[in-house]
């Protein structure tokens, strides 16, 4: 059982029990996050379907941080122009708890 969600301009394939690093998102005071934009889901092996309205994925925040530094280097030859810039993208690490699709709830596998 898995679902495809969209958050932060990216798409992620998630299943109950997975720990995923997503773009930084705000959580409530309990550390819970609800992803409402579910693009597809698979209830059993070999089938993928588009969910009805109201499908959601519930997760909790495990941690937050910043990724590795990415160096951006601009260079124009013969013009004596060089510029280096660094960037570290912020992320939120979440653990997927449940997937609610079409009136059914899928939790972690025992």
PDB file of N, CA and C in Angstrom:
ATOM      1  N   UNK A   1       0.853  -1.174   0.000  1.00  0.00           N
ATOM      2  CA  UNK A   1       0.000   0.000   0.000  1.00  0.00           C
ATOM      3  C   UNK A   1       0.889   1.222   0.000  1.00  0.00           C
ATOM      4  N   UNK A   2       0.690   2.108  -0.972  1.00  0.00           N
ATOM      5  CA  UNK A   2       1.444   3.353  -1.019  1.00  0.00           C
ATOM      6  C   UNK A   2       0.588   4.436  -1.639  1.00  0.00           C
ATOM      7  N   UNK A   3       1.052   5.666  -1.496  1.00  0.00           N
ATOM      8  CA  UNK A   3       0.367   6.817  -2.080  1.00  0.00           C
ATOM      9  C   UNK A   3       1.420   7.747  -2.667  1.00  0.00           C
ATOM     10  N   UNK A   4       1.018   8.532  -3.650  1.00  0.00           N
ATOM     11  CA  UNK A   4       1.881   9.551  -4.245  1.00  0.00           C
ATOM     12  C   UNK A   4       1.318  10.901  -3.820  1.00  0.00           C
ATOM     13  N   UNK A   5       2.144  11.683  -3.100  1.00  0.00           N
ATOM     14  CA  UNK A   5       1.698  12.990  -2.626  1.00  0.00           C
ATOM     15  C   UNK A   5       2.549  14.073  -3.253  1.00  0.00           C
ATOM     16  N   UNK A   6       2.009  15.295  -3.261  1.00  0.00           N
ATOM     17  CA  UNK A   6       2.762  16.444  -3.764  1.00  0.00           C
ATOM     18  C   UNK A   6       2.891  17.454  -2.637  1.00  0.00           C
ATOM     19  N   UNK A   7       4.129  17.866  -2.351  1.00  0.00           N
ATOM     20  CA  UNK A   7       4.390  18.902  -1.370  1.00  0.00           C
ATOM     21  C   UNK A   7       5.697  19.595  -1.727  1.00  0.00           C
ATOM     22  N   UNK A   8       5.717  20.890  -1.588  1.00  0.00           N
ATOM     23  CA  UNK A   8       6.923  21.647  -1.879  1.00  0.00           C
ATOM     24  C   UNK A   8       7.329  21.614  -3.337  1.00  0.00           C
ATOM     25  N   UNK A   9       6.365  21.412  -4.246  1.00  0.00           N
ATOM     26  CA  UNK A   9       6.681  21.376  -5.669  1.00  0.00           C
ATOM     27  C   UNK A   9       7.259  20.057  -6.138  1.00  0.00           C
ATOM     28  N   UNK A  10       7.314  19.057  -5.272  1.00  0.00           N
ATOM     29  CA  UNK A  10       7.854  17.757  -5.639  1.00  0.00           C
ATOM     30  C   UNK A  10       6.830  16.674  -5.329  1.00  0.00           C
ATOM     31  N   UNK A  11       7.020  15.512  -5.922  1.00  0.00           N
ATOM     32  CA  UNK A  11       6.127  14.382  -5.684  1.00  0.00           C
ATOM     33  C   UNK A  11       6.908  13.290  -4.961  1.00  0.00           C
ATOM     34  N   UNK A  12       6.249  12.653  -3.996  1.00  0.00           N
ATOM     35  CA  UNK A  12       6.882  11.623  -3.193  1.00  0.00           C
ATOM     36  C   UNK A  12       5.993  10.384  -3.156  1.00  0.00           C
ATOM     37  N   UNK A  13       6.618   9.217  -3.240  1.00  0.00           N
ATOM     38  CA  UNK A  13       5.900   7.943  -3.085  1.00  0.00           C
ATOM     39  C   UNK A  13       6.105   7.518  -1.642  1.00  0.00           C
ATOM     40  N   UNK A  14       5.004   7.445  -0.887  1.00  0.00           N
ATOM     41  CA  UNK A  14       5.093   7.169   0.545  1.00  0.00           C
ATOM     42  C   UNK A  14       4.209   5.987   0.914  1.00  0.00           C
ATOM     43  N   UNK A  15       4.622   5.273   1.941  1.00  0.00           N
ATOM     44  CA  UNK A  15       3.855   4.160   2.498  1.00  0.00           C
ATOM     45  C   UNK A  15       3.842   4.333   4.014  1.00  0.00           C
ATOM     46  N   UNK A  16       2.868   3.769   4.706  1.00  0.00           N
ATOM     47  CA  UNK A  16       2.843   3.883   6.165  1.00  0.00           C
ATOM     48  C   UNK A  16       4.118   3.305   6.785  1.00  0.00           C
ATOM     49  N   UNK A  17       4.708   4.078   7.687  1.00  0.00           N
ATOM     50  CA  UNK A  17       5.950   3.659   8.326  1.00  0.00           C
ATOM     51  C   UNK A  17       7.199   4.244   7.692  1.00  0.00           C
ATOM     52  N   UNK A  18       7.099   4.849   6.502  1.00  0.00           N
ATOM     53  CA  UNK A  18       8.256   5.444   5.836  1.00  0.00           C
ATOM     54  C   UNK A  18       8.675   6.735   6.533  1.00  0.00           C
ATOM     55  N   UNK A  19       9.976   7.030   6.470  1.00  0.00           N
ATOM     56  CA  UNK A  19      10.514   8.308   6.933  1.00  0.00           C
ATOM     57  C   UNK A  19      11.068   9.014   5.702  1.00  0.00           C
ATOM     58  N   UNK A  20      10.549  10.220   5.425  1.00  0.00           N
ATOM     59  CA  UNK A  20      10.851  10.933   4.185  1.00  0.00           C
ATOM     60  C   UNK A  20      11.315  12.344   4.511  1.00  0.00           C
ATOM     61  N   UNK A  21      12.320  12.854   3.760  1.00  0.00           N
ATOM     62  CA  UNK A  21      12.733  14.245   3.879  1.00  0.00           C
ATOM     63  C   UNK A  21      11.997  15.046   2.809  1.00  0.00           C
ATOM     64  N   UNK A  22      11.182  16.008   3.242  1.00  0.00           N
ATOM     65  CA  UNK A  22      10.436  16.857   2.316  1.00  0.00           C
ATOM     66  C   UNK A  22      10.881  18.300   2.509  1.00  0.00           C
ATOM     67  N   UNK A  23      10.492  19.163   1.576  1.00  0.00           N
ATOM     68  CA  UNK A  23      10.776  20.583   1.729  1.00  0.00           C
ATOM     69  C   UNK A  23      10.171  21.068   3.037  1.00  0.00           C
ATOM     70  N   UNK A  24      10.760  22.082   3.633  1.00  0.00           N
ATOM     71  CA  UNK A  24      10.324  22.546   4.952  1.00  0.00           C
ATOM     72  C   UNK A  24       8.844  22.911   4.942  1.00  0.00           C
ATOM     73  N   UNK A  25       8.082  22.312   5.861  1.00  0.00           N
ATOM     74  CA  UNK A  25       6.656  22.581   6.012  1.00  0.00           C
ATOM     75  C   UNK A  25       6.377  22.895   7.474  1.00  0.00           C
ATOM     76  N   UNK A  26       5.335  23.663   7.702  1.00  0.00           N
ATOM     77  CA  UNK A  26       4.945  24.024   9.057  1.00  0.00           C
ATOM     78  C   UNK A  26       4.061  22.933   9.644  1.00  0.00           C
ATOM     79  N   UNK A  27       4.327  22.569  10.881  1.00  0.00           N
ATOM     80  CA  UNK A  27       3.525  21.559  11.582  1.00  0.00           C
ATOM     81  C   UNK A  27       2.758  22.236  12.706  1.00  0.00           C
ATOM     82  N   UNK A  28       1.722  21.563  13.205  1.00  0.00           N
ATOM     83  CA  UNK A  28       0.998  22.124  14.344  1.00  0.00           C
ATOM     84  C   UNK A  28       1.793  21.876  15.625  1.00  0.00           C
ATOM     85  N   UNK A  29       1.251  22.284  16.771  1.00  0.00           N
ATOM     86  CA  UNK A  29       1.996  22.192  18.028  1.00  0.00           C
ATOM     87  C   UNK A  29       2.289  20.758  18.454  1.00  0.00           C
ATOM     88  N   UNK A  30       1.526  19.775  17.972  1.00  0.00           N
ATOM     89  CA  UNK A  30       1.779  18.374  18.294  1.00  0.00           C
ATOM     90  C   UNK A  30       2.828  17.747  17.391  1.00  0.00           C
ATOM     91  N   UNK A  31       3.218  18.447  16.340  1.00  0.00           N
ATOM     92  CA  UNK A  31       4.166  17.893  15.382  1.00  0.00           C
ATOM     93  C   UNK A  31       3.493  17.074  14.298  1.00  0.00           C
ATOM     94  N   UNK A  32       2.175  17.240  14.136  1.00  0.00           N
ATOM     95  CA  UNK A  32       1.436  16.478  13.123  1.00  0.00           C
ATOM     96  C   UNK A  32       1.318  17.293  11.836  1.00  0.00           C
ATOM     97  N   UNK A  33       1.374  16.600  10.715  1.00  0.00           N
ATOM     98  CA  UNK A  33       1.235  17.222   9.399  1.00  0.00           C
ATOM     99  C   UNK A  33       0.209  16.413   8.617  1.00  0.00           C
ATOM    100  N   UNK A  34      -0.619  17.113   7.847  1.00  0.00           N
ATOM    101  CA  UNK A  34      -1.602  16.456   6.989  1.00  0.00           C
ATOM    102  C   UNK A  34      -1.343  16.887   5.553  1.00  0.00           C
ATOM    103  N   UNK A  35      -1.045  15.921   4.685  1.00  0.00           N
ATOM    104  CA  UNK A  35      -0.850  16.181   3.269  1.00  0.00           C
ATOM    105  C   UNK A  35      -2.166  15.887   2.560  1.00  0.00           C
ATOM    106  N   UNK A  36      -2.804  16.919   2.022  1.00  0.00           N
ATOM    107  CA  UNK A  36      -4.113  16.764   1.410  1.00  0.00           C
ATOM    108  C   UNK A  36      -4.072  16.529  -0.088  1.00  0.00           C
ATOM    109  N   UNK A  37      -2.928  16.760  -0.707  1.00  0.00           N
ATOM    110  CA  UNK A  37      -2.841  16.617  -2.162  1.00  0.00           C
ATOM    111  C   UNK A  37      -2.288  15.226  -2.499  1.00  0.00           C
ATOM    112  N   UNK A  38      -3.192  14.248  -2.567  1.00  0.00           N
ATOM    113  CA  UNK A  38      -2.826  12.870  -2.904  1.00  0.00           C
ATOM    114  C   UNK A  38      -3.121  12.670  -4.388  1.00  0.00           C
ATOM    115  N   UNK A  39      -2.092  12.356  -5.160  1.00  0.00           N
ATOM    116  CA  UNK A  39      -2.233  12.248  -6.612  1.00  0.00           C
ATOM    117  C   UNK A  39      -2.648  10.849  -7.055  1.00  0.00           C
ATOM    118  N   UNK A  40      -2.148   9.824  -6.373  1.00  0.00           N
ATOM    119  CA  UNK A  40      -2.464   8.440  -6.741  1.00  0.00           C
ATOM    120  C   UNK A  40      -2.271   7.560  -5.516  1.00  0.00           C
ATOM    121  N   UNK A  41      -2.872   6.384  -5.547  1.00  0.00           N
ATOM    122  CA  UNK A  41      -2.662   5.422  -4.466  1.00  0.00           C
ATOM    123  C   UNK A  41      -2.782   4.007  -5.017  1.00  0.00           C
ATOM    124  N   UNK A  42      -2.211   3.076  -4.259  1.00  0.00           N
ATOM    125  CA  UNK A  42      -2.266   1.669  -4.626  1.00  0.00           C
ATOM    126  C   UNK A  42      -2.707   0.893  -3.397  1.00  0.00           C
ATOM    127  N   UNK A  43      -3.876   0.265  -3.480  1.00  0.00           N
ATOM    128  CA  UNK A  43      -4.390  -0.512  -2.359  1.00  0.00           C
ATOM    129  C   UNK A  43      -3.807  -1.907  -2.305  1.00  0.00           C
ATOM    130  N   UNK A  44      -3.639  -2.540  -3.460  1.00  0.00           N
ATOM    131  CA  UNK A  44      -3.041  -3.867  -3.530  1.00  0.00           C
ATOM    132  C   UNK A  44      -2.017  -3.874  -4.662  1.00  0.00           C
ATOM    133  N   UNK A  45      -1.192  -4.879  -4.691  1.00  0.00           N
ATOM    134  CA  UNK A  45      -0.100  -4.942  -5.656  1.00  0.00           C
ATOM    135  C   UNK A  45      -0.631  -4.944  -7.089  1.00  0.00           C
ATOM    136  N   UNK A  46      -0.013  -4.152  -7.935  1.00  0.00           N
ATOM    137  CA  UNK A  46      -0.358  -4.149  -9.348  1.00  0.00           C
ATOM    138  C   UNK A  46      -1.468  -3.210  -9.751  1.00  0.00           C
ATOM    139  N   UNK A  47      -2.039  -2.449  -8.819  1.00  0.00           N
ATOM    140  CA  UNK A  47      -3.109  -1.529  -9.192  1.00  0.00           C
ATOM    141  C   UNK A  47      -2.796  -0.134  -8.669  1.00  0.00           C
ATOM    142  N   UNK A  48      -2.976   0.838  -9.533  1.00  0.00           N
ATOM    143  CA  UNK A  48      -2.794   2.242  -9.168  1.00  0.00           C
ATOM    144  C   UNK A  48      -4.048   2.978  -9.602  1.00  0.00           C
ATOM    145  N   UNK A  49      -4.598   3.803  -8.699  1.00  0.00           N
ATOM    146  CA  UNK A  49      -5.838   4.509  -9.003  1.00  0.00           C
ATOM    147  C   UNK A  49      -5.740   5.945  -8.522  1.00  0.00           C
ATOM    148  N   UNK A  50      -6.592   6.781  -9.082  1.00  0.00           N
ATOM    149  CA  UNK A  50      -6.679   8.167  -8.643  1.00  0.00           C
ATOM    150  C   UNK A  50      -7.709   8.226  -7.521  1.00  0.00           C
ATOM    151  N   UNK A  51      -7.364   8.821  -6.378  1.00  0.00           N
ATOM    152  CA  UNK A  51      -8.302   8.840  -5.255  1.00  0.00           C
ATOM    153  C   UNK A  51      -9.403   9.878  -5.444  1.00  0.00           C
ATOM    154  N   UNK A  52     -10.500   9.678  -4.716  1.00  0.00           N
ATOM    155  CA  UNK A  52     -11.582  10.651  -4.719  1.00  0.00           C
ATOM    156  C   UNK A  52     -11.174  11.843  -3.856  1.00  0.00           C
ATOM    157  N   UNK A  53     -11.995  12.876  -3.859  1.00  0.00           N
ATOM    158  CA  UNK A  53     -11.729  14.056  -3.039  1.00  0.00           C
ATOM    159  C   UNK A  53     -11.706  13.666  -1.566  1.00  0.00           C
ATOM    160  N   UNK A  54     -10.894  14.341  -0.807  1.00  0.00           N
ATOM    161  CA  UNK A  54     -10.834  14.086   0.624  1.00  0.00           C
ATOM    162  C   UNK A  54      -9.774  13.084   1.039  1.00  0.00           C
ATOM    163  N   UNK A  55      -8.981  12.596   0.113  1.00  0.00           N
ATOM    164  CA  UNK A  55      -7.901  11.676   0.473  1.00  0.00           C
ATOM    165  C   UNK A  55      -6.799  12.470   1.158  1.00  0.00           C
ATOM    166  N   UNK A  56      -6.184  11.874   2.175  1.00  0.00           N
ATOM    167  CA  UNK A  56      -5.130  12.581   2.892  1.00  0.00           C
ATOM    168  C   UNK A  56      -4.133  11.597   3.474  1.00  0.00           C
ATOM    169  N   UNK A  57      -2.944  12.114   3.751  1.00  0.00           N
ATOM    170  CA  UNK A  57      -1.868  11.341   4.356  1.00  0.00           C
ATOM    171  C   UNK A  57      -1.487  12.056   5.646  1.00  0.00           C
ATOM    172  N   UNK A  58      -1.467  11.318   6.761  1.00  0.00           N
ATOM    173  CA  UNK A  58      -1.121  11.887   8.060  1.00  0.00           C
ATOM    174  C   UNK A  58       0.294  11.485   8.426  1.00  0.00           C
ATOM    175  N   UNK A  59       1.063  12.465   8.933  1.00  0.00           N
ATOM    176  CA  UNK A  59       2.459  12.216   9.287  1.00  0.00           C
ATOM    177  C   UNK A  59       2.816  13.006  10.539  1.00  0.00           C
ATOM    178  N   UNK A  60       3.933  12.634  11.160  1.00  0.00           N
ATOM    179  CA  UNK A  60       4.466  13.373  12.299  1.00  0.00           C
ATOM    180  C   UNK A  60       5.897  13.788  11.990  1.00  0.00           C
ATOM    181  N   UNK A  61       6.305  14.910  12.569  1.00  0.00           N
ATOM    182  CA  UNK A  61       7.641  15.442  12.340  1.00  0.00           C
ATOM    183  C   UNK A  61       8.648  14.665  13.181  1.00  0.00           C
ATOM    184  N   UNK A  62       9.708  14.188  12.525  1.00  0.00           N
ATOM    185  CA  UNK A  62      10.782  13.497  13.209  1.00  0.00           C
ATOM    186  C   UNK A  62      11.917  14.469  13.496  1.00  0.00           C
ATOM    187  N   UNK A  63      12.216  15.339  12.542  1.00  0.00           N
ATOM    188  CA  UNK A  63      13.292  16.313  12.723  1.00  0.00           C
ATOM    189  C   UNK A  63      13.293  17.341  11.625  1.00  0.00           C
ATOM    190  N   UNK A  64      14.089  18.377  11.834  1.00  0.00           N
ATOM    191  CA  UNK A  64      14.262  19.428  10.828  1.00  0.00           C
ATOM    192  C   UNK A  64      15.743  19.693  10.674  1.00  0.00           C
ATOM    193  N   UNK A  65      16.122  20.226   9.538  1.00  0.00           N
ATOM    194  CA  UNK A  65      17.532  20.532   9.325  1.00  0.00           C
ATOM    195  C   UNK A  65      17.752  21.204   7.995  1.00  0.00           C
ATOM    196  N   UNK A  66      19.019  21.249   7.613  1.00  0.00           N
ATOM    197  CA  UNK A  66      19.401  21.821   6.327  1.00  0.00           C
ATOM    198  C   UNK A  66      20.270  20.807   5.608  1.00  0.00           C
ATOM    199  N   UNK A  67      20.089  20.725   4.309  1.00  0.00           N
ATOM    200  CA  UNK A  67      20.812  19.749   3.506  1.00  0.00           C
ATOM    201  C   UNK A  67      22.257  20.139   3.287  1.00  0.00           C
ATOM    202  N   UNK A  68      22.960  19.338   2.497  1.00  0.00           N
ATOM    203  CA  UNK A  68      24.354  19.615   2.169  1.00  0.00           C
ATOM    204  C   UNK A  68      24.464  20.878   1.336  1.00  0.00           C
ATOM    205  N   UNK A  69      25.625  21.513   1.404  1.00  0.00           N
ATOM    206  CA  UNK A  69      25.837  22.752   0.664  1.00  0.00           C
ATOM    207  C   UNK A  69      25.989  22.451  -0.823  1.00  0.00           C
ATOM    208  N   UNK A  70      25.279  23.209  -1.625  1.00  0.00           N
ATOM    209  CA  UNK A  70      25.377  23.127  -3.080  1.00  0.00           C
ATOM    210  C   UNK A  70      26.085  24.390  -3.538  1.00  0.00           C
ATOM    211  N   UNK A  71      27.178  24.239  -4.283  1.00  0.00           N
ATOM    212  CA  UNK A  71      27.920  25.400  -4.769  1.00  0.00           C
ATOM    213  C   UNK A  71      27.431  25.790  -6.151  1.00  0.00           C
ATOM    214  N   UNK A  72      27.157  27.078  -6.314  1.00  0.00           N
ATOM    215  CA  UNK A  72      26.733  27.631  -7.597  1.00  0.00           C
ATOM    216  C   UNK A  72      27.874  28.515  -8.078  1.00  0.00           C
ATOM    217  N   UNK A  73      28.407  28.219  -9.259  1.00  0.00           N
ATOM    218  CA  UNK A  73      29.579  28.939  -9.765  1.00  0.00           C
ATOM    219  C   UNK A  73      29.250  29.574 -11.102  1.00  0.00           C
ATOM    220  N   UNK A  74      29.346  30.886 -11.162  1.00  0.00           N
ATOM    221  CA  UNK A  74      29.132  31.630 -12.416  1.00  0.00           C
ATOM    222  C   UNK A  74      30.492  32.049 -12.946  1.00  0.00           C
ATOM    223  N   UNK A  75      30.690  31.916 -14.257  1.00  0.00           N
ATOM    224  CA  UNK A  75      31.983  32.225 -14.857  1.00  0.00           C
ATOM    225  C   UNK A  75      31.769  32.707 -16.281  1.00  0.00           C
ATOM    226  N   UNK A  76      32.413  33.809 -16.626  1.00  0.00           N
ATOM    227  CA  UNK A  76      32.411  34.287 -18.005  1.00  0.00           C
ATOM    228  C   UNK A  76      33.860  34.388 -18.463  1.00  0.00           C
ATOM    229  N   UNK A  77      34.176  33.607 -19.441  1.00  0.00           N
ATOM    230  CA  UNK A  77      35.566  33.579 -19.890  1.00  0.00           C
ATOM    231  C   UNK A  77      35.946  34.888 -20.568  1.00  0.00           C
ATOM    232  N   UNK A  78      37.201  35.213 -20.493  1.00  0.00           N
ATOM    233  CA  UNK A  78      37.817  36.396 -21.105  1.00  0.00           C
ATOM    234  C   UNK A  78      37.300  37.711 -20.534  1.00  0.00           C
ATOM    235  N   UNK A  79      36.450  37.682 -19.531  1.00  0.00           N
ATOM    236  CA  UNK A  79      35.888  38.919 -18.972  1.00  0.00           C
ATOM    237  C   UNK A  79      36.299  39.126 -17.512  1.00  0.00           C
ATOM    238  N   UNK A  80      37.109  38.235 -16.978  1.00  0.00           N
ATOM    239  CA  UNK A  80      37.563  38.324 -15.591  1.00  0.00           C
ATOM    240  C   UNK A  80      36.392  38.339 -14.604  1.00  0.00           C
ATOM    241  N   UNK A  81      35.342  37.539 -14.890  1.00  0.00           N
ATOM    242  CA  UNK A  81      34.167  37.507 -14.021  1.00  0.00           C
ATOM    243  C   UNK A  81      34.003  36.108 -13.455  1.00  0.00           C
ATOM    244  N   UNK A  82      34.056  36.021 -12.137  1.00  0.00           N
ATOM    245  CA  UNK A  82      33.811  34.764 -11.437  1.00  0.00           C
ATOM    246  C   UNK A  82      33.002  35.079 -10.187  1.00  0.00           C
ATOM    247  N   UNK A  83      32.047  34.212  -9.887  1.00  0.00           N
ATOM    248  CA  UNK A  83      31.222  34.401  -8.695  1.00  0.00           C
ATOM    249  C   UNK A  83      30.846  33.040  -8.147  1.00  0.00           C
ATOM    250  N   UNK A  84      31.074  32.836  -6.871  1.00  0.00           N
ATOM    251  CA  UNK A  84      30.697  31.577  -6.242  1.00  0.00           C
ATOM    252  C   UNK A  84      29.667  31.875  -5.157  1.00  0.00           C
ATOM    253  N   UNK A  85      28.668  31.014  -5.100  1.00  0.00           N
ATOM    254  CA  UNK A  85      27.588  31.193  -4.139  1.00  0.00           C
ATOM    255  C   UNK A  85      27.228  29.830  -3.585  1.00  0.00           C
ATOM    256  N   UNK A  86      26.928  29.766  -2.280  1.00  0.00           N
ATOM    257  CA  UNK A  86      26.540  28.509  -1.649  1.00  0.00           C
ATOM    258  C   UNK A  86      25.074  28.546  -1.257  1.00  0.00           C
ATOM    259  N   UNK A  87      24.464  27.362  -1.172  1.00  0.00           N
ATOM    260  CA  UNK A  87      23.058  27.270  -0.791  1.00  0.00           C
ATOM    261  C   UNK A  87      22.836  25.976  -0.028  1.00  0.00           C
ATOM    262  N   UNK A  88      22.083  26.069   1.075  1.00  0.00           N
ATOM    263  CA  UNK A  88      21.676  24.886   1.842  1.00  0.00           C
ATOM    264  C   UNK A  88      20.165  24.918   1.975  1.00  0.00           C
ATOM    265  N   UNK A  89      19.501  23.913   1.424  1.00  0.00           N
ATOM    266  CA  UNK A  89      18.039  23.855   1.431  1.00  0.00           C
ATOM    267  C   UNK A  89      17.528  23.294   2.750  1.00  0.00           C
ATOM    268  N   UNK A  90      16.534  23.958   3.336  1.00  0.00           N
ATOM    269  CA  UNK A  90      15.933  23.487   4.579  1.00  0.00           C
ATOM    270  C   UNK A  90      14.977  22.329   4.284  1.00  0.00           C
ATOM    271  N   UNK A  91      14.925  21.348   5.210  1.00  0.00           N
ATOM    272  CA  UNK A  91      14.032  20.209   5.027  1.00  0.00           C
ATOM    273  C   UNK A  91      13.366  19.860   6.353  1.00  0.00           C
ATOM    274  N   UNK A  92      12.275  19.113   6.240  1.00  0.00           N
ATOM    275  CA  UNK A  92      11.586  18.548   7.391  1.00  0.00           C
ATOM    276  C   UNK A  92      11.523  17.042   7.184  1.00  0.00           C
ATOM    277  N   UNK A  93      11.951  16.294   8.187  1.00  0.00           N
ATOM    278  CA  UNK A  93      11.912  14.836   8.103  1.00  0.00           C
ATOM    279  C   UNK A  93      10.633  14.363   8.779  1.00  0.00           C
ATOM    280  N   UNK A  94       9.783  13.648   8.029  1.00  0.00           N
ATOM    281  CA  UNK A  94       8.490  13.223   8.544  1.00  0.00           C
ATOM    282  C   UNK A  94       8.356  11.703   8.481  1.00  0.00           C
ATOM    283  N   UNK A  95       7.577  11.163   9.410  1.00  0.00           N
ATOM    284  CA  UNK A  95       7.257   9.725   9.429  1.00  0.00           C
ATOM    285  C   UNK A  95       5.791   9.584   9.053  1.00  0.00           C
ATOM    286  N   UNK A  96       5.498   8.789   8.041  1.00  0.00           N
ATOM    287  CA  UNK A  96       4.135   8.600   7.556  1.00  0.00           C
ATOM    288  C   UNK A  96       3.409   7.640   8.500  1.00  0.00           C
ATOM    289  N   UNK A  97       2.271   8.093   9.046  1.00  0.00           N
ATOM    290  CA  UNK A  97       1.508   7.274   9.991  1.00  0.00           C
ATOM    291  C   UNK A  97       0.367   6.532   9.309  1.00  0.00           C
ATOM    292  N   UNK A  98      -0.515   7.267   8.630  1.00  0.00           N
ATOM    293  CA  UNK A  98      -1.710   6.666   8.033  1.00  0.00           C
ATOM    294  C   UNK A  98      -1.997   7.298   6.684  1.00  0.00           C
ATOM    295  N   UNK A  99      -2.706   6.526   5.861  1.00  0.00           N
ATOM    296  CA  UNK A  99      -3.204   7.018   4.577  1.00  0.00           C
ATOM    297  C   UNK A  99      -4.708   6.797   4.569  1.00  0.00           C
ATOM    298  N   UNK A 100      -5.469   7.875   4.400  1.00  0.00           N
ATOM    299  CA  UNK A 100      -6.934   7.800   4.339  1.00  0.00           C
ATOM    300  C   UNK A 100      -7.363   8.012   2.889  1.00  0.00           C
ATOM    301  N   UNK A 101      -7.941   6.959   2.285  1.00  0.00           N
ATOM    302  CA  UNK A 101      -8.358   7.036   0.886  1.00  0.00           C
ATOM    303  C   UNK A 101      -9.709   6.329   0.738  1.00  0.00           C
ATOM    304  N   UNK A 102     -10.668   7.035   0.148  1.00  0.00           N
ATOM    305  CA  UNK A 102     -11.977   6.467  -0.192  1.00  0.00           C
ATOM    306  C   UNK A 102     -12.647   5.770   1.004  1.00  0.00           C
ATOM    307  N   UNK A 103     -12.563   6.376   2.187  1.00  0.00           N
ATOM    308  CA  UNK A 103     -13.211   5.817   3.364  1.00  0.00           C
ATOM    309  C   UNK A 103     -12.452   4.701   4.049  1.00  0.00           C
ATOM    310  N   UNK A 104     -11.284   4.335   3.556  1.00  0.00           N
ATOM    311  CA  UNK A 104     -10.464   3.291   4.172  1.00  0.00           C
ATOM    312  C   UNK A 104      -9.215   3.916   4.787  1.00  0.00           C
ATOM    313  N   UNK A 105      -8.750   3.305   5.843  1.00  0.00           N
ATOM    314  CA  UNK A 105      -7.532   3.779   6.507  1.00  0.00           C
ATOM    315  C   UNK A 105      -6.479   2.687   6.423  1.00  0.00           C
ATOM    316  N   UNK A 106      -5.312   3.067   5.921  1.00  0.00           N
ATOM    317  CA  UNK A 106      -4.188   2.147   5.823  1.00  0.00           C
ATOM    318  C   UNK A 106      -3.129   2.603   6.793  1.00  0.00           C
ATOM    319  N   UNK A 107      -2.740   1.725   7.727  1.00  0.00           N
ATOM    320  CA  UNK A 107      -1.723   2.034   8.732  1.00  0.00           C
ATOM    321  C   UNK A 107      -0.471   1.230   8.478  1.00  0.00           C
ATOM    322  N   UNK A 108       0.473   1.298   9.419  1.00  0.00           N
ATOM    323  CA  UNK A 108       1.715   0.536   9.239  1.00  0.00           C
ATOM    324  C   UNK A 108       1.459  -0.977   9.258  1.00  0.00           C
ATOM    325  N   UNK A 109       2.227  -1.670   8.467  1.00  0.00           N
ATOM    326  CA  UNK A 109       2.085  -3.128   8.381  1.00  0.00           C
ATOM    327  C   UNK A 109       2.654  -3.765   9.639  1.00  0.00           C
ATOM    328  N   UNK A 110       1.971  -4.740  10.177  1.00  0.00           N
ATOM    329  CA  UNK A 110       2.428  -5.401  11.421  1.00  0.00           C
ATOM    330  C   UNK A 110       3.416  -6.495  11.127  1.00  0.00           C
TER     331      UNK A 110
END
